Amino acid sequence: MSDSIAEVGATSYAQAKTANEVIKVQKSTVQLEQLKSSVVSRDKVLIHVHKIASKQRATWMPWVEECAQSIAEKFSVDSEKVKSILHTEVAAHLKELGDVHFTID
């Protein structure tokens, strides 16, 4: 009877080991699929970041034109001088924002 228990134990161990290997393969397959869907082209990311930055700049620069006249009237100063100062300051700030460097691993 101890031989049959040993055989059952060996069979159960072999089945458990096989099941474990199957689970490992399934887990690896799932992880690979997750990686495939999360990997993005570096070039696409850089193009997208550039588009976002361009849109931000495109919205800020007209703001200078719109606000310069209003500010000049409130302080009774020349609107062209205000526009020039605002343009310089906003452009410098946008340049600072654009100088951010990041890595894509």
PDB file of N, CA and C in Angstrom:
ATOM      1  N   MET A   1       0.817  -1.183   0.000  1.00  0.00           N
ATOM      2  CA  MET A   1       0.000   0.000   0.000  1.00  0.00           C
ATOM      3  C   MET A   1       0.867   1.255   0.000  1.00  0.00           C
ATOM      4  N   SER A   2       2.017   1.194   0.623  1.00  0.00           N
ATOM      5  CA  SER A   2       2.883   2.365   0.631  1.00  0.00           C
ATOM      6  C   SER A   2       3.391   2.684  -0.766  1.00  0.00           C
ATOM      7  N   ASP A   3       3.505   1.635  -1.640  1.00  0.00           N
ATOM      8  CA  ASP A   3       3.909   1.895  -3.025  1.00  0.00           C
ATOM      9  C   ASP A   3       2.860   2.719  -3.753  1.00  0.00           C
ATOM     10  N   SER A   4       1.592   2.429  -3.545  1.00  0.00           N
ATOM     11  CA  SER A   4       0.535   3.178  -4.231  1.00  0.00           C
ATOM     12  C   SER A   4       0.466   4.608  -3.718  1.00  0.00           C
ATOM     13  N   ILE A   5       0.738   4.812  -2.436  1.00  0.00           N
ATOM     14  CA  ILE A   5       0.759   6.174  -1.877  1.00  0.00           C
ATOM     15  C   ILE A   5       1.919   6.946  -2.490  1.00  0.00           C
ATOM     16  N   ALA A   6       3.071   6.284  -2.633  1.00  0.00           N
ATOM     17  CA  ALA A   6       4.238   6.930  -3.240  1.00  0.00           C
ATOM     18  C   ALA A   6       3.948   7.292  -4.687  1.00  0.00           C
ATOM     19  N   GLU A   7       3.263   6.374  -5.410  1.00  0.00           N
ATOM     20  CA  GLU A   7       2.923   6.655  -6.813  1.00  0.00           C
ATOM     21  C   GLU A   7       1.965   7.838  -6.910  1.00  0.00           C
ATOM     22  N   VAL A   8       0.964   7.877  -6.043  1.00  0.00           N
ATOM     23  CA  VAL A   8       0.002   8.979  -6.035  1.00  0.00           C
ATOM     24  C   VAL A   8       0.717  10.279  -5.707  1.00  0.00           C
ATOM     25  N   GLY A   9       1.623  10.222  -4.722  1.00  0.00           N
ATOM     26  CA  GLY A   9       2.389  11.411  -4.342  1.00  0.00           C
ATOM     27  C   GLY A   9       3.256  11.899  -5.484  1.00  0.00           C
ATOM     28  N   ALA A  10       3.906  10.981  -6.184  1.00  0.00           N
ATOM     29  CA  ALA A  10       4.768  11.347  -7.309  1.00  0.00           C
ATOM     30  C   ALA A  10       3.942  11.937  -8.438  1.00  0.00           C
ATOM     31  N   THR A  11       2.787  11.330  -8.699  1.00  0.00           N
ATOM     32  CA  THR A  11       1.906  11.834  -9.749  1.00  0.00           C
ATOM     33  C   THR A  11       1.387  13.214  -9.381  1.00  0.00           C
ATOM     34  N   SER A  12       0.965  13.386  -8.154  1.00  0.00           N
ATOM     35  CA  SER A  12       0.456  14.682  -7.708  1.00  0.00           C
ATOM     36  C   SER A  12       1.546  15.747  -7.793  1.00  0.00           C
ATOM     37  N   TYR A  13       2.775  15.382  -7.425  1.00  0.00           N
ATOM     38  CA  TYR A  13       3.882  16.330  -7.485  1.00  0.00           C
ATOM     39  C   TYR A  13       4.164  16.719  -8.939  1.00  0.00           C
ATOM     40  N   ALA A  14       4.182  15.719  -9.817  1.00  0.00           N
ATOM     41  CA  ALA A  14       4.437  15.985 -11.236  1.00  0.00           C
ATOM     42  C   ALA A  14       3.332  16.865 -11.818  1.00  0.00           C
ATOM     43  N   GLN A  15       2.093  16.598 -11.440  1.00  0.00           N
ATOM     44  CA  GLN A  15       0.976  17.408 -11.923  1.00  0.00           C
ATOM     45  C   GLN A  15       1.075  18.841 -11.391  1.00  0.00           C
ATOM     46  N   ALA A  16       1.437  18.960 -10.125  1.00  0.00           N
ATOM     47  CA  ALA A  16       1.567  20.285  -9.520  1.00  0.00           C
ATOM     48  C   ALA A  16       2.703  21.065 -10.187  1.00  0.00           C
ATOM     49  N   LYS A  17       3.807  20.370 -10.455  1.00  0.00           N
ATOM     50  CA  LYS A  17       4.941  21.022 -11.103  1.00  0.00           C
ATOM     51  C   LYS A  17       4.558  21.468 -12.516  1.00  0.00           C
ATOM     52  N   THR A  18       3.846  20.619 -13.245  1.00  0.00           N
ATOM     53  CA  THR A  18       3.388  20.966 -14.592  1.00  0.00           C
ATOM     54  C   THR A  18       2.432  22.149 -14.541  1.00  0.00           C
ATOM     55  N   ALA A  19       1.503  22.121 -13.604  1.00  0.00           N
ATOM     56  CA  ALA A  19       0.544  23.222 -13.460  1.00  0.00           C
ATOM     57  C   ALA A  19       1.277  24.523 -13.142  1.00  0.00           C
ATOM     58  N   ASN A  20       2.295  24.438 -12.295  1.00  0.00           N
ATOM     59  CA  ASN A  20       3.087  25.618 -11.942  1.00  0.00           C
ATOM     60  C   ASN A  20       3.785  26.188 -13.180  1.00  0.00           C
ATOM     61  N   GLU A  21       4.347  25.333 -14.005  1.00  0.00           N
ATOM     62  CA  GLU A  21       5.021  25.795 -15.228  1.00  0.00           C
ATOM     63  C   GLU A  21       4.022  26.442 -16.193  1.00  0.00           C
ATOM     64  N   VAL A  22       2.840  25.859 -16.301  1.00  0.00           N
ATOM     65  CA  VAL A  22       1.796  26.432 -17.161  1.00  0.00           C
ATOM     66  C   VAL A  22       1.418  27.825 -16.664  1.00  0.00           C
ATOM     67  N   ILE A  23       1.271  27.965 -15.367  1.00  0.00           N
ATOM     68  CA  ILE A  23       0.926  29.268 -14.778  1.00  0.00           C
ATOM     69  C   ILE A  23       2.035  30.283 -15.041  1.00  0.00           C
ATOM     70  N   LYS A  24       3.294  29.868 -14.926  1.00  0.00           N
ATOM     71  CA  LYS A  24       4.416  30.772 -15.207  1.00  0.00           C
ATOM     72  C   LYS A  24       4.360  31.283 -16.651  1.00  0.00           C
ATOM     73  N   VAL A  25       4.099  30.366 -17.577  1.00  0.00           N
ATOM     74  CA  VAL A  25       4.015  30.752 -18.991  1.00  0.00           C
ATOM     75  C   VAL A  25       2.851  31.711 -19.208  1.00  0.00           C
ATOM     76  N   GLN A  26       1.704  31.416 -18.614  1.00  0.00           N
ATOM     77  CA  GLN A  26       0.546  32.298 -18.756  1.00  0.00           C
ATOM     78  C   GLN A  26       0.833  33.680 -18.179  1.00  0.00           C
ATOM     79  N   LYS A  27       1.486  33.715 -17.031  1.00  0.00           N
ATOM     80  CA  LYS A  27       1.839  34.988 -16.395  1.00  0.00           C
ATOM     81  C   LYS A  27       2.795  35.780 -17.287  1.00  0.00           C
ATOM     82  N   SER A  28       3.788  35.110 -17.842  1.00  0.00           N
ATOM     83  CA  SER A  28       4.736  35.773 -18.739  1.00  0.00           C
ATOM     84  C   SER A  28       4.037  36.308 -19.978  1.00  0.00           C
ATOM     85  N   THR A  29       3.089  35.557 -20.497  1.00  0.00           N
ATOM     86  CA  THR A  29       2.335  35.994 -21.674  1.00  0.00           C
ATOM     87  C   THR A  29       1.530  37.248 -21.366  1.00  0.00           C
ATOM     88  N   VAL A  30       0.877  37.262 -20.221  1.00  0.00           N
ATOM     89  CA  VAL A  30       0.095  38.437 -19.812  1.00  0.00           C
ATOM     90  C   VAL A  30       1.009  39.647 -19.629  1.00  0.00           C
ATOM     91  N   GLN A  31       2.152  39.454 -18.979  1.00  0.00           N
ATOM     92  CA  GLN A  31       3.095  40.560 -18.770  1.00  0.00           C
ATOM     93  C   GLN A  31       3.616  41.098 -20.100  1.00  0.00           C
ATOM     94  N   LEU A  32       3.893  40.207 -21.036  1.00  0.00           N
ATOM     95  CA  LEU A  32       4.361  40.628 -22.355  1.00  0.00           C
ATOM     96  C   LEU A  32       3.296  41.452 -23.069  1.00  0.00           C
ATOM     97  N   GLU A  33       2.056  41.029 -23.003  1.00  0.00           N
ATOM     98  CA  GLU A  33       0.964  41.777 -23.628  1.00  0.00           C
ATOM     99  C   GLU A  33       0.811  43.157 -22.988  1.00  0.00           C
ATOM    100  N   GLN A  34       0.961  43.218 -21.675  1.00  0.00           N
ATOM    101  CA  GLN A  34       0.879  44.509 -20.988  1.00  0.00           C
ATOM    102  C   GLN A  34       2.005  45.425 -21.440  1.00  0.00           C
ATOM    103  N   LEU A  35       3.196  44.883 -21.569  1.00  0.00           N
ATOM    104  CA  LEU A  35       4.330  45.687 -22.020  1.00  0.00           C
ATOM    105  C   LEU A  35       4.128  46.184 -23.446  1.00  0.00           C
ATOM    106  N   LYS A  36       3.614  45.316 -24.296  1.00  0.00           N
ATOM    107  CA  LYS A  36       3.384  45.714 -25.686  1.00  0.00           C
ATOM    108  C   LYS A  36       2.421  46.889 -25.765  1.00  0.00           C
ATOM    109  N   SER A  37       1.390  46.867 -24.947  1.00  0.00           N
ATOM    110  CA  SER A  37       0.393  47.937 -25.012  1.00  0.00           C
ATOM    111  C   SER A  37       0.868  49.207 -24.323  1.00  0.00           C
ATOM    112  N   SER A  38       1.871  49.122 -23.454  1.00  0.00           N
ATOM    113  CA  SER A  38       2.326  50.316 -22.747  1.00  0.00           C
ATOM    114  C   SER A  38       3.549  50.953 -23.394  1.00  0.00           C
ATOM    115  N   VAL A  39       4.141  50.310 -24.349  1.00  0.00           N
ATOM    116  CA  VAL A  39       5.308  50.867 -25.018  1.00  0.00           C
ATOM    117  C   VAL A  39       4.845  51.830 -26.102  1.00  0.00           C
ATOM    118  N   VAL A  40       5.409  53.040 -26.055  1.00  0.00           N
ATOM    119  CA  VAL A  40       5.038  54.074 -27.010  1.00  0.00           C
ATOM    120  C   VAL A  40       6.305  54.530 -27.716  1.00  0.00           C
ATOM    121  N   SER A  41       6.175  54.847 -28.968  1.00  0.00           N
ATOM    122  CA  SER A  41       7.309  55.326 -29.739  1.00  0.00           C
ATOM    123  C   SER A  41       7.847  56.629 -29.159  1.00  0.00           C
ATOM    124  N   ARG A  42       9.142  56.695 -28.982  1.00  0.00           N
ATOM    125  CA  ARG A  42       9.794  57.901 -28.458  1.00  0.00           C
ATOM    126  C   ARG A  42       9.507  59.089 -29.373  1.00  0.00           C
ATOM    127  N   ASP A  43       9.597  58.868 -30.677  1.00  0.00           N
ATOM    128  CA  ASP A  43       9.341  59.945 -31.638  1.00  0.00           C
ATOM    129  C   ASP A  43       7.917  60.475 -31.514  1.00  0.00           C
ATOM    130  N   LYS A  44       6.959  59.573 -31.327  1.00  0.00           N
ATOM    131  CA  LYS A  44       5.567  60.008 -31.178  1.00  0.00           C
ATOM    132  C   LYS A  44       5.386  60.853 -29.924  1.00  0.00           C
ATOM    133  N   VAL A  45       6.047  60.467 -28.847  1.00  0.00           N
ATOM    134  CA  VAL A  45       5.955  61.234 -27.597  1.00  0.00           C
ATOM    135  C   VAL A  45       6.540  62.624 -27.793  1.00  0.00           C
ATOM    136  N   LEU A  46       7.709  62.708 -28.405  1.00  0.00           N
ATOM    137  CA  LEU A  46       8.350  64.004 -28.619  1.00  0.00           C
ATOM    138  C   LEU A  46       7.511  64.900 -29.528  1.00  0.00           C
ATOM    139  N   ILE A  47       6.922  64.330 -30.563  1.00  0.00           N
ATOM    140  CA  ILE A  47       6.050  65.105 -31.453  1.00  0.00           C
ATOM    141  C   ILE A  47       4.847  65.626 -30.678  1.00  0.00           C
ATOM    142  N   HIS A  48       4.269  64.777 -29.843  1.00  0.00           N
ATOM    143  CA  HIS A  48       3.101  65.175 -29.053  1.00  0.00           C
ATOM    144  C   HIS A  48       3.459  66.292 -28.069  1.00  0.00           C
ATOM    145  N   VAL A  49       4.588  66.174 -27.404  1.00  0.00           N
ATOM    146  CA  VAL A  49       5.033  67.208 -26.465  1.00  0.00           C
ATOM    147  C   VAL A  49       5.252  68.522 -27.206  1.00  0.00           C
ATOM    148  N   HIS A  50       5.849  68.453 -28.382  1.00  0.00           N
ATOM    149  CA  HIS A  50       6.071  69.663 -29.182  1.00  0.00           C
ATOM    150  C   HIS A  50       4.740  70.314 -29.566  1.00  0.00           C
ATOM    151  N   LYS A  51       3.766  69.503 -29.947  1.00  0.00           N
ATOM    152  CA  LYS A  51       2.445  70.045 -30.308  1.00  0.00           C
ATOM    153  C   LYS A  51       1.790  70.739 -29.114  1.00  0.00           C
ATOM    154  N   ILE A  52       1.895  70.123 -27.949  1.00  0.00           N
ATOM    155  CA  ILE A  52       1.317  70.731 -26.742  1.00  0.00           C
ATOM    156  C   ILE A  52       1.990  72.066 -26.449  1.00  0.00           C
ATOM    157  N   ALA A  53       3.315  72.089 -26.522  1.00  0.00           N
ATOM    158  CA  ALA A  53       4.053  73.330 -26.257  1.00  0.00           C
ATOM    159  C   ALA A  53       3.688  74.410 -27.274  1.00  0.00           C
ATOM    160  N   SER A  54       3.542  74.030 -28.527  1.00  0.00           N
ATOM    161  CA  SER A  54       3.171  75.000 -29.569  1.00  0.00           C
ATOM    162  C   SER A  54       1.786  75.576 -29.315  1.00  0.00           C
ATOM    163  N   LYS A  55       0.862  74.727 -28.893  1.00  0.00           N
ATOM    164  CA  LYS A  55      -0.492  75.210 -28.587  1.00  0.00           C
ATOM    165  C   LYS A  55      -0.472  76.170 -27.407  1.00  0.00           C
ATOM    166  N   GLN A  56       0.334  75.848 -26.398  1.00  0.00           N
ATOM    167  CA  GLN A  56       0.443  76.740 -25.242  1.00  0.00           C
ATOM    168  C   GLN A  56       0.988  78.100 -25.659  1.00  0.00           C
ATOM    169  N   ARG A  57       2.021  78.092 -26.464  1.00  0.00           N
ATOM    170  CA  ARG A  57       2.604  79.354 -26.928  1.00  0.00           C
ATOM    171  C   ARG A  57       1.585  80.119 -27.770  1.00  0.00           C
ATOM    172  N   ALA A  58       0.865  79.412 -28.608  1.00  0.00           N
ATOM    173  CA  ALA A  58      -0.126  80.057 -29.475  1.00  0.00           C
ATOM    174  C   ALA A  58      -1.246  80.712 -28.670  1.00  0.00           C
ATOM    175  N   THR A  59      -1.522  80.219 -27.480  1.00  0.00           N
ATOM    176  CA  THR A  59      -2.563  80.851 -26.660  1.00  0.00           C
ATOM    177  C   THR A  59      -2.016  81.994 -25.819  1.00  0.00           C
ATOM    178  N   TRP A  60      -0.750  81.931 -25.450  1.00  0.00           N
ATOM    179  CA  TRP A  60      -0.179  82.984 -24.608  1.00  0.00           C
ATOM    180  C   TRP A  60       0.183  84.241 -25.386  1.00  0.00           C
ATOM    181  N   MET A  61       0.721  84.113 -26.564  1.00  0.00           N
ATOM    182  CA  MET A  61       1.194  85.295 -27.283  1.00  0.00           C
ATOM    183  C   MET A  61       0.053  86.246 -27.659  1.00  0.00           C
ATOM    184  N   PRO A  62      -1.100  85.782 -28.101  1.00  0.00           N
ATOM    185  CA  PRO A  62      -2.207  86.715 -28.346  1.00  0.00           C
ATOM    186  C   PRO A  62      -2.693  87.396 -27.058  1.00  0.00           C
ATOM    187  N   TRP A  63      -2.532  86.726 -25.930  1.00  0.00           N
ATOM    188  CA  TRP A  63      -2.920  87.313 -24.650  1.00  0.00           C
ATOM    189  C   TRP A  63      -2.163  88.612 -24.417  1.00  0.00           C
ATOM    190  N   VAL A  64      -0.898  88.651 -24.815  1.00  0.00           N
ATOM    191  CA  VAL A  64      -0.093  89.867 -24.675  1.00  0.00           C
ATOM    192  C   VAL A  64      -0.768  91.015 -25.416  1.00  0.00           C
ATOM    193  N   GLU A  65      -1.181  90.745 -26.636  1.00  0.00           N
ATOM    194  CA  GLU A  65      -1.845  91.773 -27.449  1.00  0.00           C
ATOM    195  C   GLU A  65      -3.141  92.242 -26.780  1.00  0.00           C
ATOM    196  N   GLU A  66      -3.904  91.287 -26.279  1.00  0.00           N
ATOM    197  CA  GLU A  66      -5.201  91.612 -25.682  1.00  0.00           C
ATOM    198  C   GLU A  66      -5.054  92.404 -24.383  1.00  0.00           C
ATOM    199  N   CYS A  67      -4.091  92.058 -23.574  1.00  0.00           N
ATOM    200  CA  CYS A  67      -3.942  92.686 -22.255  1.00  0.00           C
ATOM    201  C   CYS A  67      -3.165  93.994 -22.272  1.00  0.00           C
ATOM    202  N   ALA A  68      -2.301  94.168 -23.223  1.00  0.00           N
ATOM    203  CA  ALA A  68      -1.437  95.354 -23.225  1.00  0.00           C
ATOM    204  C   ALA A  68      -2.253  96.639 -23.218  1.00  0.00           C
ATOM    205  N   GLN A  69      -3.262  96.705 -24.053  1.00  0.00           N
ATOM    206  CA  GLN A  69      -4.085  97.919 -24.135  1.00  0.00           C
ATOM    207  C   GLN A  69      -4.797  98.183 -22.806  1.00  0.00           C
ATOM    208  N   SER A  70      -5.372  97.145 -22.230  1.00  0.00           N
ATOM    209  CA  SER A  70      -6.093  97.284 -20.967  1.00  0.00           C
ATOM    210  C   SER A  70      -5.165  97.748 -19.840  1.00  0.00           C
ATOM    211  N   ILE A  71      -4.004  97.143 -19.749  1.00  0.00           N
ATOM    212  CA  ILE A  71      -3.040  97.529 -18.707  1.00  0.00           C
ATOM    213  C   ILE A  71      -2.571  98.966 -18.924  1.00  0.00           C
ATOM    214  N   ALA A  72      -2.291  99.312 -20.169  1.00  0.00           N
ATOM    215  CA  ALA A  72      -1.828 100.673 -20.484  1.00  0.00           C
ATOM    216  C   ALA A  72      -2.865 101.711 -20.077  1.00  0.00           C
ATOM    217  N   GLU A  73      -4.131 101.426 -20.333  1.00  0.00           N
ATOM    218  CA  GLU A  73      -5.197 102.362 -19.956  1.00  0.00           C
ATOM    219  C   GLU A  73      -5.297 102.497 -18.438  1.00  0.00           C
ATOM    220  N   LYS A  74      -5.183 101.402 -17.717  1.00  0.00           N
ATOM    221  CA  LYS A  74      -5.297 101.438 -16.253  1.00  0.00           C
ATOM    222  C   LYS A  74      -4.179 102.250 -15.606  1.00  0.00           C
ATOM    223  N   PHE A  75      -3.002 102.212 -16.208  1.00  0.00           N
ATOM    224  CA  PHE A  75      -1.857 102.920 -15.627  1.00  0.00           C
ATOM    225  C   PHE A  75      -1.481 104.191 -16.397  1.00  0.00           C
ATOM    226  N   SER A  76      -2.289 104.520 -17.390  1.00  0.00           N
ATOM    227  CA  SER A  76      -2.052 105.712 -18.217  1.00  0.00           C
ATOM    228  C   SER A  76      -0.629 105.745 -18.780  1.00  0.00           C
ATOM    229  N   VAL A  77      -0.259 104.642 -19.399  1.00  0.00           N
ATOM    230  CA  VAL A  77       1.059 104.553 -20.040  1.00  0.00           C
ATOM    231  C   VAL A  77       0.890 104.118 -21.491  1.00  0.00           C
ATOM    232  N   ASP A  78       1.969 104.209 -22.243  1.00  0.00           N
ATOM    233  CA  ASP A  78       1.952 103.858 -23.665  1.00  0.00           C
ATOM    234  C   ASP A  78       1.709 102.353 -23.844  1.00  0.00           C
ATOM    235  N   SER A  79       0.695 102.004 -24.631  1.00  0.00           N
ATOM    236  CA  SER A  79       0.337 100.594 -24.821  1.00  0.00           C
ATOM    237  C   SER A  79       1.428  99.824 -25.559  1.00  0.00           C
ATOM    238  N   GLU A  80       2.169 100.480 -26.430  1.00  0.00           N
ATOM    239  CA  GLU A  80       3.246  99.790 -27.149  1.00  0.00           C
ATOM    240  C   GLU A  80       4.374  99.386 -26.198  1.00  0.00           C
ATOM    241  N   LYS A  81       4.662 100.229 -25.221  1.00  0.00           N
ATOM    242  CA  LYS A  81       5.691  99.891 -24.232  1.00  0.00           C
ATOM    243  C   LYS A  81       5.234  98.713 -23.372  1.00  0.00           C
ATOM    244  N   VAL A  82       3.974  98.749 -22.956  1.00  0.00           N
ATOM    245  CA  VAL A  82       3.424  97.650 -22.150  1.00  0.00           C
ATOM    246  C   VAL A  82       3.460  96.357 -22.959  1.00  0.00           C
ATOM    247  N   LYS A  83       3.053  96.460 -24.215  1.00  0.00           N
ATOM    248  CA  LYS A  83       3.042  95.274 -25.081  1.00  0.00           C
ATOM    249  C   LYS A  83       4.462  94.722 -25.236  1.00  0.00           C
ATOM    250  N   SER A  84       5.425  95.598 -25.413  1.00  0.00           N
ATOM    251  CA  SER A  84       6.814  95.169 -25.570  1.00  0.00           C
ATOM    252  C   SER A  84       7.323  94.475 -24.307  1.00  0.00           C
ATOM    253  N   ILE A  85       7.026  95.069 -23.151  1.00  0.00           N
ATOM    254  CA  ILE A  85       7.461  94.477 -21.879  1.00  0.00           C
ATOM    255  C   ILE A  85       6.787  93.125 -21.655  1.00  0.00           C
ATOM    256  N   LEU A  86       5.472  93.079 -21.848  1.00  0.00           N
ATOM    257  CA  LEU A  86       4.746  91.811 -21.670  1.00  0.00           C
ATOM    258  C   LEU A  86       5.258  90.746 -22.633  1.00  0.00           C
ATOM    259  N   HIS A  87       5.467  91.139 -23.873  1.00  0.00           N
ATOM    260  CA  HIS A  87       5.947  90.190 -24.881  1.00  0.00           C
ATOM    261  C   HIS A  87       7.290  89.607 -24.459  1.00  0.00           C
ATOM    262  N   THR A  88       8.200  90.467 -24.010  1.00  0.00           N
ATOM    263  CA  THR A  88       9.521  90.014 -23.576  1.00  0.00           C
ATOM    264  C   THR A  88       9.416  89.063 -22.388  1.00  0.00           C
ATOM    265  N   GLU A  89       8.611  89.429 -21.402  1.00  0.00           N
ATOM    266  CA  GLU A  89       8.486  88.610 -20.191  1.00  0.00           C
ATOM    267  C   GLU A  89       7.799  87.273 -20.474  1.00  0.00           C
ATOM    268  N   VAL A  90       6.725  87.309 -21.240  1.00  0.00           N
ATOM    269  CA  VAL A  90       6.002  86.066 -21.557  1.00  0.00           C
ATOM    270  C   VAL A  90       6.881  85.158 -22.413  1.00  0.00           C
ATOM    271  N   ALA A  91       7.561  85.723 -23.402  1.00  0.00           N
ATOM    272  CA  ALA A  91       8.442  84.914 -24.253  1.00  0.00           C
ATOM    273  C   ALA A  91       9.556  84.269 -23.426  1.00  0.00           C
ATOM    274  N   ALA A  92      10.130  85.021 -22.489  1.00  0.00           N
ATOM    275  CA  ALA A  92      11.187  84.467 -21.629  1.00  0.00           C
ATOM    276  C   ALA A  92      10.643  83.342 -20.755  1.00  0.00           C
ATOM    277  N   HIS A  93       9.454  83.551 -20.224  1.00  0.00           N
ATOM    278  CA  HIS A  93       8.849  82.519 -19.375  1.00  0.00           C
ATOM    279  C   HIS A  93       8.540  81.260 -20.193  1.00  0.00           C
ATOM    280  N   LEU A  94       8.001  81.430 -21.377  1.00  0.00           N
ATOM    281  CA  LEU A  94       7.713  80.276 -22.231  1.00  0.00           C
ATOM    282  C   LEU A  94       8.998  79.546 -22.613  1.00  0.00           C
ATOM    283  N   LYS A  95      10.069  80.300 -22.828  1.00  0.00           N
ATOM    284  CA  LYS A  95      11.354  79.665 -23.131  1.00  0.00           C
ATOM    285  C   LYS A  95      11.819  78.832 -21.942  1.00  0.00           C
ATOM    286  N   GLU A  96      11.679  79.373 -20.735  1.00  0.00           N
ATOM    287  CA  GLU A  96      12.047  78.615 -19.530  1.00  0.00           C
ATOM    288  C   GLU A  96      11.244  77.322 -19.439  1.00  0.00           C
ATOM    289  N   LEU A  97       9.961  77.424 -19.709  1.00  0.00           N
ATOM    290  CA  LEU A  97       9.119  76.225 -19.662  1.00  0.00           C
ATOM    291  C   LEU A  97       9.537  75.220 -20.727  1.00  0.00           C
ATOM    292  N   GLY A  98       9.970  75.731 -21.868  1.00  0.00           N
ATOM    293  CA  GLY A  98      10.377  74.861 -22.967  1.00  0.00           C
ATOM    294  C   GLY A  98      11.738  74.225 -22.777  1.00  0.00           C
ATOM    295  N   ASP A  99      12.514  74.749 -21.832  1.00  0.00           N
ATOM    296  CA  ASP A  99      13.851  74.213 -21.594  1.00  0.00           C
ATOM    297  C   ASP A  99      13.853  72.991 -20.687  1.00  0.00           C
ATOM    298  N   VAL A 100      12.699  72.472 -20.374  1.00  0.00           N
ATOM    299  CA  VAL A 100      12.607  71.282 -19.532  1.00  0.00           C
ATOM    300  C   VAL A 100      13.134  70.089 -20.325  1.00  0.00           C
ATOM    301  N   HIS A 101      14.027  69.348 -19.710  1.00  0.00           N
ATOM    302  CA  HIS A 101      14.577  68.160 -20.361  1.00  0.00           C
ATOM    303  C   HIS A 101      14.106  66.929 -19.602  1.00  0.00           C
ATOM    304  N   PHE A 102      13.675  65.951 -20.339  1.00  0.00           N
ATOM    305  CA  PHE A 102      13.225  64.717 -19.716  1.00  0.00           C
ATOM    306  C   PHE A 102      13.725  63.551 -20.533  1.00  0.00           C
ATOM    307  N   THR A 103      13.785  62.420 -19.892  1.00  0.00           N
ATOM    308  CA  THR A 103      14.218  61.221 -20.588  1.00  0.00           C
ATOM    309  C   THR A 103      13.041  60.275 -20.719  1.00  0.00           C
ATOM    310  N   ILE A 104      13.060  59.563 -21.799  1.00  0.00           N
ATOM    311  CA  ILE A 104      12.026  58.557 -22.040  1.00  0.00           C
ATOM    312  C   ILE A 104      12.730  57.212 -22.020  1.00  0.00           C
ATOM    313  N   ASP A 105      12.493  56.472 -20.977  1.00  0.00           N
ATOM    314  CA  ASP A 105      13.148  55.167 -20.830  1.00  0.00           C
ATOM    315  C   ASP A 105      12.285  54.073 -21.396  1.00  0.00           C
TER     316      ASP A 105
END
